[in-house]
């Protein structure tokens, strides 16, 4: 006891203990303040999602927000199919369209980690069926070129043929008929058909189907319990949102279109808001047993500038200073902050996801219509998180609210 009394009576030790206690109290207060701030941001965001739904711009909308390693909000609102009373929820499955590209690139990174593949590997060495009009260029096309849209072909090559129901193997054969716009590896030009060669590469190095590999190595370890590939899996889900198109001024339910499901690496994933919450947490570093820091750094490193991406929607024109493409992800300088982003669109569905690594923050949106209005929710909550000057990216005052549909949760 004397030792303890002497220790506590030492003025320098006492001061140190007092300082440590004060620091601990301040840290706890800061943590509470941050939690309160996040709760306020989430509450405002959820009110806005409700307001968007009331405008009738989409039958259903699902959203998830992550912060500091946890899901702080996940919900689905509206109806799975217009005219019916089945409500959506946080586990309702939507198509995520081109957000699928991030899964393809992430699988490739896992294969590189296992040394089954290298970023410098030539695609043609693994997929001899690949032939381009630029014969020499075809032999130089690398895995990292493929996953960052540096194939040298015109923007969205052969997408129209895909939409006319041409099967993927036939489209692959037609790549040699497409006149390039630049040499392989030298320019950015967004692709769907050519991007999907990563599926053939996966089969070549694993002997297994691409979709099985993603399910085994990504969906299951990350507990993305409702994530799947393909139309059959979507329709077999116990809880899925039907696609809608505008006809005679109303949203009409249609059958999910098969076309882009034919290229799973580019656009084949189905997922719920909760699934995308898990996906963001993994890419923010909270699943190191699946994606380690080095792997994430590679996936999130710029490969090629994409200056055209600073144009388009008002929030991009005002907020995005520079843009580039990484491996399966877009990178934005969002008013001085690093953003990892991707969006997706197929008939009757839209999706958008953004992460702020330095703030350990992410948001994802899914909706079952072709309206652009819900997309304004993303920059709205990003601005709030970054404490940027408020801007009305939604402009809901221009839209007429509609009565909410009566819904039931059982399916």
Protein backbone atom coordinates (compact mmCIF):
# COMPACT_ATOMS: atom_id res chain seq x y z
CA UNK A 1 0.00 0.00 0.00
CA UNK A 2 2.87 2.35 0.71
CA UNK A 3 4.07 1.90 -2.84
CA UNK A 4 0.64 2.82 -4.16
CA UNK A 5 0.42 5.86 -1.87
CA UNK A 6 3.85 7.05 -2.96
CA UNK A 7 2.89 6.50 -6.62
CA UNK A 8 -0.31 8.49 -6.31
CA UNK A 9 1.32 11.26 -4.23
CA UNK A 10 3.93 11.98 -6.93
CA UNK A 11 2.69 15.28 -8.46
CA UNK A 12 3.85 14.39 -11.98
CA UNK A 13 2.11 11.05 -11.88
CA UNK A 14 -1.03 12.66 -10.50
CA UNK A 15 -0.99 15.23 -13.30
CA UNK A 16 -0.54 12.46 -15.88
CA UNK A 17 -3.43 10.50 -14.44
CA UNK A 18 -5.62 13.60 -14.43
CA UNK A 19 -4.70 14.38 -18.02
CA UNK A 20 -5.42 10.82 -19.11
CA UNK A 21 -8.79 10.90 -17.38
CA UNK A 22 -9.67 14.23 -18.99
CA UNK A 23 -8.60 12.93 -22.40
CA UNK A 24 -10.74 9.84 -21.93
CA UNK A 25 -13.75 11.96 -21.01
CA UNK A 26 -13.21 14.21 -24.03
CA UNK A 27 -12.84 11.22 -26.33
CA UNK A 28 -16.05 9.73 -24.99
CA UNK A 29 -17.82 13.06 -25.44
CA UNK A 30 -16.50 13.35 -29.01
CA UNK A 31 -17.72 9.82 -29.71
CA UNK A 32 -21.18 10.65 -28.39
CA UNK A 33 -21.24 13.86 -30.42
CA UNK A 34 -20.26 11.94 -33.59
CA UNK A 35 -22.91 9.31 -32.94
CA UNK A 36 -25.51 12.02 -32.45
CA UNK A 37 -24.39 13.73 -35.64
CA UNK A 38 -24.63 10.47 -37.60
CA UNK A 39 -28.06 9.74 -36.12
CA UNK A 40 -29.25 13.18 -37.24
CA UNK A 41 -27.87 12.68 -40.73
CA UNK A 42 -29.56 9.29 -41.01
CA UNK A 43 -32.88 10.64 -39.72
CA UNK A 44 -32.86 13.44 -42.30
CA UNK A 45 -31.89 10.98 -45.03
CA UNK A 46 -34.70 8.60 -44.16
CA UNK A 47 -37.19 11.47 -44.22
CA UNK A 48 -35.96 12.41 -47.68
CA UNK A 49 -36.28 8.85 -48.97
CA UNK A 50 -39.88 8.87 -47.76
CA UNK A 51 -40.42 12.18 -49.53
CA UNK A 52 -38.96 10.81 -52.77
CA UNK A 53 -41.28 7.81 -52.65
CA UNK A 54 -44.30 10.09 -52.11
CA UNK A 55 -43.60 11.82 -55.44
CA UNK A 56 -44.39 8.59 -57.30
CA UNK A 57 -41.04 8.59 -59.10
CA UNK A 58 -40.52 4.92 -58.28
CA UNK A 59 -42.70 2.14 -56.87
CA UNK A 60 -39.97 1.16 -54.41
CA UNK A 61 -36.70 2.42 -53.02
CA UNK A 62 -34.12 0.71 -50.80
CA UNK A 63 -31.17 2.39 -49.10
CA UNK A 64 -28.34 1.53 -46.75
CA UNK A 65 -25.87 3.76 -44.90
CA UNK A 66 -22.67 2.58 -43.21
CA UNK A 67 -20.45 4.51 -40.83
CA UNK A 68 -17.42 3.53 -38.73
CA UNK A 69 -17.71 -0.15 -39.49
CA UNK A 70 -21.43 -0.69 -38.91
CA UNK A 71 -24.67 -0.40 -40.83
CA UNK A 72 -26.43 2.61 -39.30
CA UNK A 73 -29.51 2.52 -41.53
CA UNK A 74 -30.98 -0.07 -43.87
CA UNK A 75 -34.53 -0.03 -45.16
CA UNK A 76 -36.81 -0.58 -48.10
CA UNK A 77 -40.01 1.36 -48.77
CA UNK A 78 -42.75 1.17 -51.36
CA UNK A 79 -44.11 -1.81 -53.26
CA UNK A 80 -42.39 -4.61 -55.14
CA UNK A 81 -44.86 -4.33 -58.01
CA UNK A 82 -47.10 -1.43 -58.90
CA UNK A 83 -50.77 -2.15 -58.31
CA UNK A 84 -50.03 -4.86 -55.77
CA UNK A 85 -49.71 -4.55 -52.01
CA UNK A 86 -46.47 -6.40 -51.37
CA UNK A 87 -44.05 -4.12 -49.52
CA UNK A 88 -40.30 -4.09 -49.97
CA UNK A 89 -37.87 -4.16 -47.07
CA UNK A 90 -34.12 -4.14 -46.37
CA UNK A 91 -33.77 -7.69 -47.76
CA UNK A 92 -35.76 -7.16 -50.96
CA UNK A 93 -33.60 -8.04 -53.96
CA UNK A 94 -33.04 -5.66 -56.89
CA UNK A 95 -30.77 -5.82 -59.92
CA UNK A 96 -27.61 -3.77 -59.37
CA UNK A 97 -26.60 -3.68 -63.08
CA UNK A 98 -23.10 -2.22 -63.61
CA UNK A 99 -22.32 -2.25 -59.91
CA UNK A 100 -21.59 -5.89 -60.77
CA UNK A 101 -18.24 -4.77 -62.21
CA UNK A 102 -16.88 -4.13 -58.74
CA UNK A 103 -17.52 -7.78 -57.84
CA UNK A 104 -15.72 -8.99 -60.97
CA UNK A 105 -12.65 -6.88 -60.25
CA UNK A 106 -12.64 -7.91 -56.59
CA UNK A 107 -12.73 -11.58 -57.55
CA UNK A 108 -9.78 -11.01 -59.89
CA UNK A 109 -7.89 -9.38 -57.01
CA UNK A 110 -8.50 -12.43 -54.82
CA UNK A 111 -7.15 -14.67 -57.60
CA UNK A 112 -4.08 -12.41 -57.89
CA UNK A 113 -3.58 -12.70 -54.13
CA UNK A 114 -3.58 -16.47 -54.51
CA UNK A 115 -1.16 -16.21 -57.44
CA UNK A 116 -3.62 -17.94 -59.74
CA UNK A 117 -3.48 -14.77 -61.82
CA UNK A 118 -1.34 -11.66 -62.27
CA UNK A 119 -2.48 -8.18 -63.25
CA UNK A 120 0.11 -8.22 -66.04
CA UNK A 121 -1.19 -11.49 -67.53
CA UNK A 122 -2.25 -11.25 -71.17
CA UNK A 123 -5.94 -11.99 -71.63
CA UNK A 124 -5.33 -13.72 -74.96
CA UNK A 125 -2.94 -16.19 -73.34
CA UNK A 126 -5.80 -17.33 -71.11
CA UNK A 127 -8.65 -16.85 -73.60
CA UNK A 128 -7.28 -17.72 -77.07
CA UNK A 129 -10.73 -17.03 -78.58
CA UNK A 130 -10.11 -13.30 -78.09
CA UNK A 131 -9.35 -11.64 -81.42
CA UNK A 132 -9.41 -7.88 -82.03
CA UNK A 133 -9.14 -5.92 -85.24
CA UNK A 134 -5.92 -4.59 -83.74
CA UNK A 135 -4.19 -7.97 -83.86
CA UNK A 136 -1.04 -6.82 -82.08
CA UNK A 137 -3.10 -5.01 -79.46
CA UNK A 138 -5.12 -8.13 -78.68
CA UNK A 139 -1.91 -9.85 -77.67
CA UNK A 140 -1.00 -6.98 -75.35
CA UNK A 141 -4.32 -6.64 -73.51
CA UNK A 142 -3.67 -7.21 -69.79
CA UNK A 143 -6.02 -8.11 -66.96
CA UNK A 144 -5.75 -4.63 -65.44
CA UNK A 145 -6.47 -3.07 -68.85
CA UNK A 146 -9.62 -5.16 -69.14
CA UNK A 147 -10.94 -4.22 -65.69
CA UNK A 148 -10.32 -0.49 -66.19
CA UNK A 149 -11.87 -0.25 -69.68
CA UNK A 150 -8.61 0.23 -71.57
CA UNK A 151 -9.43 -2.24 -74.35
CA UNK A 152 -9.25 0.42 -77.07
CA UNK A 153 -12.75 -0.21 -78.46
CA UNK A 154 -15.51 2.38 -78.94
CA UNK A 155 -17.71 3.16 -75.94
CA UNK A 156 -20.14 0.30 -75.14
CA UNK A 157 -19.07 -1.80 -78.12
CA UNK A 158 -21.65 -4.39 -79.22
CA UNK A 159 -24.17 -3.36 -76.55
CA UNK A 160 -26.82 -2.88 -79.23
CA UNK A 161 -26.21 -6.39 -80.52
CA UNK A 162 -26.50 -7.67 -76.95
CA UNK A 163 -29.79 -5.81 -76.53
CA UNK A 164 -30.96 -7.44 -79.78
CA UNK A 165 -30.52 -10.80 -77.99
CA UNK A 166 -27.19 -11.85 -79.48
CA UNK A 167 -25.58 -14.45 -77.19
CA UNK A 168 -22.27 -13.65 -75.52
CA UNK A 169 -20.17 -16.27 -77.42
CA UNK A 170 -21.28 -14.75 -80.73
CA UNK A 171 -20.51 -11.24 -79.48
CA UNK A 172 -17.04 -12.38 -78.46
CA UNK A 173 -16.43 -13.57 -82.01
CA UNK A 174 -17.57 -10.18 -83.36
CA UNK A 175 -15.03 -8.15 -81.37
CA UNK A 176 -12.57 -8.49 -84.27
CA UNK A 177 -15.00 -6.56 -86.48
CA UNK A 178 -14.99 -3.47 -84.24
CA UNK A 179 -12.67 -0.66 -85.32
CA UNK A 180 -10.62 0.55 -82.34
CA UNK A 181 -10.56 4.16 -81.17
CA UNK A 182 -7.11 3.93 -79.61
CA UNK A 183 -4.36 1.42 -78.95
CA UNK A 184 -4.87 -1.11 -76.17
CA UNK A 185 -4.06 0.36 -72.75
CA UNK A 186 -3.90 3.98 -73.91
CA UNK A 187 -7.42 5.36 -73.41
CA UNK A 188 -10.60 4.87 -71.41
CA UNK A 189 -13.73 3.62 -73.17
CA UNK A 190 -16.44 1.97 -71.09
CA UNK A 191 -17.30 -1.63 -72.03
CA UNK A 192 -19.79 -4.32 -71.07
CA UNK A 193 -19.20 -7.15 -73.53
CA UNK A 194 -15.40 -6.90 -73.58
CA UNK A 195 -15.28 -6.40 -69.79
CA UNK A 196 -17.02 -9.74 -69.40
CA UNK A 197 -13.95 -11.55 -70.72
CA UNK A 198 -12.92 -11.64 -67.06
CA UNK A 199 -15.47 -14.43 -66.70
CA UNK A 200 -13.61 -16.49 -69.31
CA UNK A 201 -10.33 -15.67 -67.59
CA UNK A 202 -11.75 -16.90 -64.28
CA UNK A 203 -12.77 -20.21 -65.79
CA UNK A 204 -9.36 -20.57 -67.41
CA UNK A 205 -7.45 -20.20 -64.12
CA UNK A 206 -9.89 -21.93 -61.72
CA UNK A 207 -11.74 -24.47 -63.83
CA UNK A 208 -14.94 -23.14 -62.28
CA UNK A 209 -17.70 -20.84 -63.45
CA UNK A 210 -17.27 -17.15 -62.70
CA UNK A 211 -20.58 -16.85 -60.83
CA UNK A 212 -19.74 -19.82 -58.59
CA UNK A 213 -16.40 -18.26 -57.73
CA UNK A 214 -18.00 -14.95 -56.70
CA UNK A 215 -20.60 -16.74 -54.60
CA UNK A 216 -17.96 -18.87 -52.86
CA UNK A 217 -15.27 -16.25 -52.36
CA UNK A 218 -17.34 -13.08 -51.86
CA UNK A 219 -21.08 -13.50 -51.23
CA UNK A 220 -20.81 -16.26 -48.65
CA UNK A 221 -17.81 -14.96 -46.62
CA UNK A 222 -19.30 -11.46 -46.49
CA UNK A 223 -22.72 -12.81 -45.45
CA UNK A 224 -24.40 -11.28 -48.48
CA UNK A 225 -27.21 -13.71 -47.91
CA UNK A 226 -29.59 -12.63 -50.66
CA UNK A 227 -27.03 -11.80 -53.37
CA UNK A 228 -27.21 -13.95 -56.50
CA UNK A 229 -26.55 -13.96 -60.24
CA UNK A 230 -29.08 -14.22 -63.06
CA UNK A 231 -32.75 -13.84 -63.82
CA UNK A 232 -33.75 -17.28 -62.57
CA UNK A 233 -32.18 -16.56 -59.19
CA UNK A 234 -33.87 -13.16 -59.02
CA UNK A 235 -37.31 -14.60 -59.68
CA UNK A 236 -36.65 -17.47 -57.27
CA UNK A 237 -35.95 -14.99 -54.47
CA UNK A 238 -38.65 -14.96 -51.86
CA UNK A 239 -38.58 -11.18 -51.84
CA UNK A 240 -37.72 -9.28 -55.04
CA UNK A 241 -38.63 -5.97 -56.64
CA UNK A 242 -40.14 -6.09 -60.13
CA UNK A 243 -38.77 -3.72 -62.79
CA UNK A 244 -40.98 -0.88 -64.02
CA UNK A 245 -41.08 1.30 -67.13
CA UNK A 246 -43.18 4.41 -67.75
CA UNK A 247 -46.17 3.80 -70.01
CA UNK A 248 -49.08 6.22 -70.45
CA UNK A 249 -47.76 8.27 -67.57
CA UNK A 250 -47.73 5.35 -65.11
CA UNK A 251 -45.13 2.88 -63.89
CA UNK A 252 -45.90 -0.51 -65.39
CA UNK A 253 -44.33 -3.74 -64.20
CA UNK A 254 -42.46 -5.71 -66.87
CA UNK A 255 -40.56 -8.98 -66.91
CA UNK A 256 -36.86 -8.70 -66.00
CA UNK A 257 -34.98 -8.42 -69.27
CA UNK A 258 -32.52 -11.22 -69.94
CA UNK A 259 -30.01 -9.35 -72.16
CA UNK A 260 -27.47 -8.00 -69.67
CA UNK A 261 -27.79 -11.10 -67.52
CA UNK A 262 -25.92 -12.81 -70.37
CA UNK A 263 -22.76 -11.00 -69.29
CA UNK A 264 -22.62 -11.68 -65.53
CA UNK A 265 -19.28 -9.94 -64.82
CA UNK A 266 -20.57 -6.67 -66.25
CA UNK A 267 -24.18 -6.62 -65.06
CA UNK A 268 -25.41 -9.90 -63.56
CA UNK A 269 -25.65 -9.34 -59.79
CA UNK A 270 -28.89 -9.23 -57.81
CA UNK A 271 -28.67 -7.86 -54.26
CA UNK A 272 -30.57 -6.23 -51.43
CA UNK A 273 -29.76 -3.03 -49.57
CA UNK A 274 -28.46 -5.12 -46.67
CA UNK A 275 -26.17 -7.02 -49.06
CA UNK A 276 -24.72 -3.76 -50.35
CA UNK A 277 -24.15 -2.63 -46.78
CA UNK A 278 -21.93 -5.66 -46.29
CA UNK A 279 -20.23 -4.93 -49.61
CA UNK A 280 -19.38 -1.37 -48.58
CA UNK A 281 -18.10 -2.44 -45.18
CA UNK A 282 -15.74 -4.88 -46.90
CA UNK A 283 -14.41 -2.20 -49.24
CA UNK A 284 -13.98 0.21 -46.34
CA UNK A 285 -11.63 -2.27 -44.71
CA UNK A 286 -13.91 -4.02 -42.24
CA UNK A 287 -13.56 -7.54 -43.65
CA UNK A 288 -9.77 -8.03 -43.64
CA UNK A 289 -10.13 -11.79 -43.67
CA UNK A 290 -11.64 -11.45 -47.17
CA UNK A 291 -10.09 -8.25 -48.54
CA UNK A 292 -6.84 -7.16 -46.91
CA UNK A 293 -5.54 -3.59 -47.00
CA UNK A 294 -3.08 -4.21 -49.83
CA UNK A 295 -5.78 -5.76 -52.01
CA UNK A 296 -8.14 -2.83 -51.40
CA UNK A 297 -5.40 -0.31 -52.16
CA UNK A 298 -4.83 -1.96 -55.53
CA UNK A 299 -8.53 -2.10 -56.38
CA UNK A 300 -9.02 1.56 -55.40
CA UNK A 301 -5.98 2.96 -57.23
CA UNK A 302 -6.59 5.09 -60.33
CA UNK A 303 -5.72 3.38 -63.62
CA UNK A 304 -6.91 5.91 -66.21
CA UNK A 305 -8.40 9.45 -66.14
CA UNK A 306 -12.08 9.77 -67.09
CA UNK A 307 -12.59 13.53 -67.53
CA UNK A 308 -16.01 13.07 -69.10
CA UNK A 309 -17.36 11.84 -65.76
CA UNK A 310 -17.22 15.33 -64.25
CA UNK A 311 -20.05 16.26 -66.60
CA UNK A 312 -23.64 15.05 -66.67
CA UNK A 313 -25.71 15.41 -63.52
CA UNK A 314 -25.67 18.74 -61.63
CA UNK A 315 -23.90 17.30 -58.58
CA UNK A 316 -21.05 15.96 -60.69
CA UNK A 317 -20.63 19.29 -62.49
CA UNK A 318 -20.51 21.20 -59.21
CA UNK A 319 -18.83 18.77 -56.81
CA UNK A 320 -16.54 16.46 -58.79
CA UNK A 321 -13.18 18.07 -59.57
CA UNK A 322 -11.41 15.09 -61.15
CA UNK A 323 -12.50 11.58 -62.10
CA UNK A 324 -10.75 8.34 -63.00
CA UNK A 325 -11.41 4.62 -63.25
CA UNK A 326 -9.73 2.11 -60.96
CA UNK A 327 -10.41 -1.65 -61.15
CA UNK A 328 -14.17 -2.07 -61.29
CA UNK A 329 -14.70 1.25 -59.46
CA UNK A 330 -14.88 4.94 -60.33
CA UNK A 331 -12.82 7.40 -58.29
CA UNK A 332 -13.91 11.00 -57.77
CA UNK A 333 -12.36 14.00 -56.09
CA UNK A 334 -15.59 15.18 -54.48
CA UNK A 335 -14.94 18.75 -53.33
CA UNK A 336 -11.51 17.74 -52.11
CA UNK A 337 -12.57 14.39 -50.64
CA UNK A 338 -11.83 10.94 -52.06
CA UNK A 339 -14.92 9.09 -53.24
CA UNK A 340 -15.24 5.51 -54.54
CA UNK A 341 -18.33 5.24 -56.70
CA UNK A 342 -20.30 3.21 -59.21
CA UNK A 343 -23.80 3.29 -60.60
CA UNK A 344 -25.86 0.89 -62.65
CA UNK A 345 -28.85 0.94 -64.99
CA UNK A 346 -30.80 -1.73 -66.82
CA UNK A 347 -34.42 -1.73 -67.92
CA UNK A 348 -36.60 -1.01 -64.92
CA UNK A 349 -33.83 -0.75 -62.33
CA UNK A 350 -31.32 1.81 -61.12
CA UNK A 351 -28.53 1.58 -58.52
CA UNK A 352 -25.89 3.90 -57.08
CA UNK A 353 -23.20 3.46 -54.43
CA UNK A 354 -20.62 5.84 -52.98
CA UNK A 355 -17.99 5.47 -50.27
CA UNK A 356 -15.80 8.03 -48.50
CA UNK A 357 -12.82 6.02 -47.20
CA UNK A 358 -11.37 8.83 -45.08
CA UNK A 359 -14.70 9.29 -43.31
CA UNK A 360 -15.40 5.52 -43.13
CA UNK A 361 -18.79 6.28 -44.66
CA UNK A 362 -20.88 4.80 -47.45
CA UNK A 363 -24.35 4.92 -48.97
CA UNK A 364 -26.08 2.72 -51.53
CA UNK A 365 -29.44 3.14 -53.27
CA UNK A 366 -31.60 0.70 -55.23
CA UNK A 367 -34.90 1.44 -56.97
CA UNK A 368 -37.19 -0.32 -59.43
CA UNK A 369 -37.90 2.35 -62.01
CA UNK A 370 -36.01 4.42 -64.57
CA UNK A 371 -36.50 7.77 -62.83
CA UNK A 372 -33.40 9.86 -62.17
CA UNK A 373 -34.95 11.58 -59.15
CA UNK A 374 -33.87 9.11 -56.40
CA UNK A 375 -30.24 9.51 -57.50
CA UNK A 376 -30.25 12.96 -55.89
CA UNK A 377 -30.36 11.32 -52.48
CA UNK A 378 -26.73 10.22 -52.85
CA UNK A 379 -25.04 13.64 -53.14
CA UNK A 380 -27.46 14.99 -50.54
CA UNK A 381 -26.27 12.66 -47.79
CA UNK A 382 -22.65 12.85 -48.97
CA UNK A 383 -22.78 16.65 -48.65
CA UNK A 384 -24.26 16.30 -45.19
CA UNK A 385 -21.54 13.89 -44.06
CA UNK A 386 -18.81 16.19 -45.41
CA UNK A 387 -20.49 19.33 -44.00
CA UNK A 388 -20.55 20.98 -47.42
CA UNK A 389 -22.88 23.90 -48.20
CA UNK A 390 -26.41 22.60 -48.67
CA UNK A 391 -27.68 22.20 -52.23
CA UNK A 392 -31.07 20.97 -53.34
CA UNK A 393 -30.05 18.04 -55.54
CA UNK A 394 -33.55 16.52 -55.38
CA UNK A 395 -35.76 19.51 -56.21
CA UNK A 396 -38.81 17.67 -54.92
CA UNK A 397 -40.81 20.90 -54.86
CA UNK A 398 -41.12 20.54 -58.64
CA UNK A 399 -42.84 17.18 -58.27
CA UNK A 400 -46.39 16.41 -57.19
CA UNK A 401 -46.68 13.98 -54.27
CA UNK A 402 -48.93 10.97 -54.83
CA UNK A 403 -50.89 8.95 -52.27
CA UNK A 404 -48.85 6.14 -50.75
CA UNK A 405 -49.77 2.62 -51.83
CA UNK A 406 -51.25 0.31 -49.23
CA UNK A 407 -48.82 -2.49 -48.59
CA UNK A 408 -48.41 -5.76 -46.71
CA UNK A 409 -45.12 -7.43 -45.85
CA UNK A 410 -46.01 -11.10 -46.27
CA UNK A 411 -45.18 -12.63 -49.65
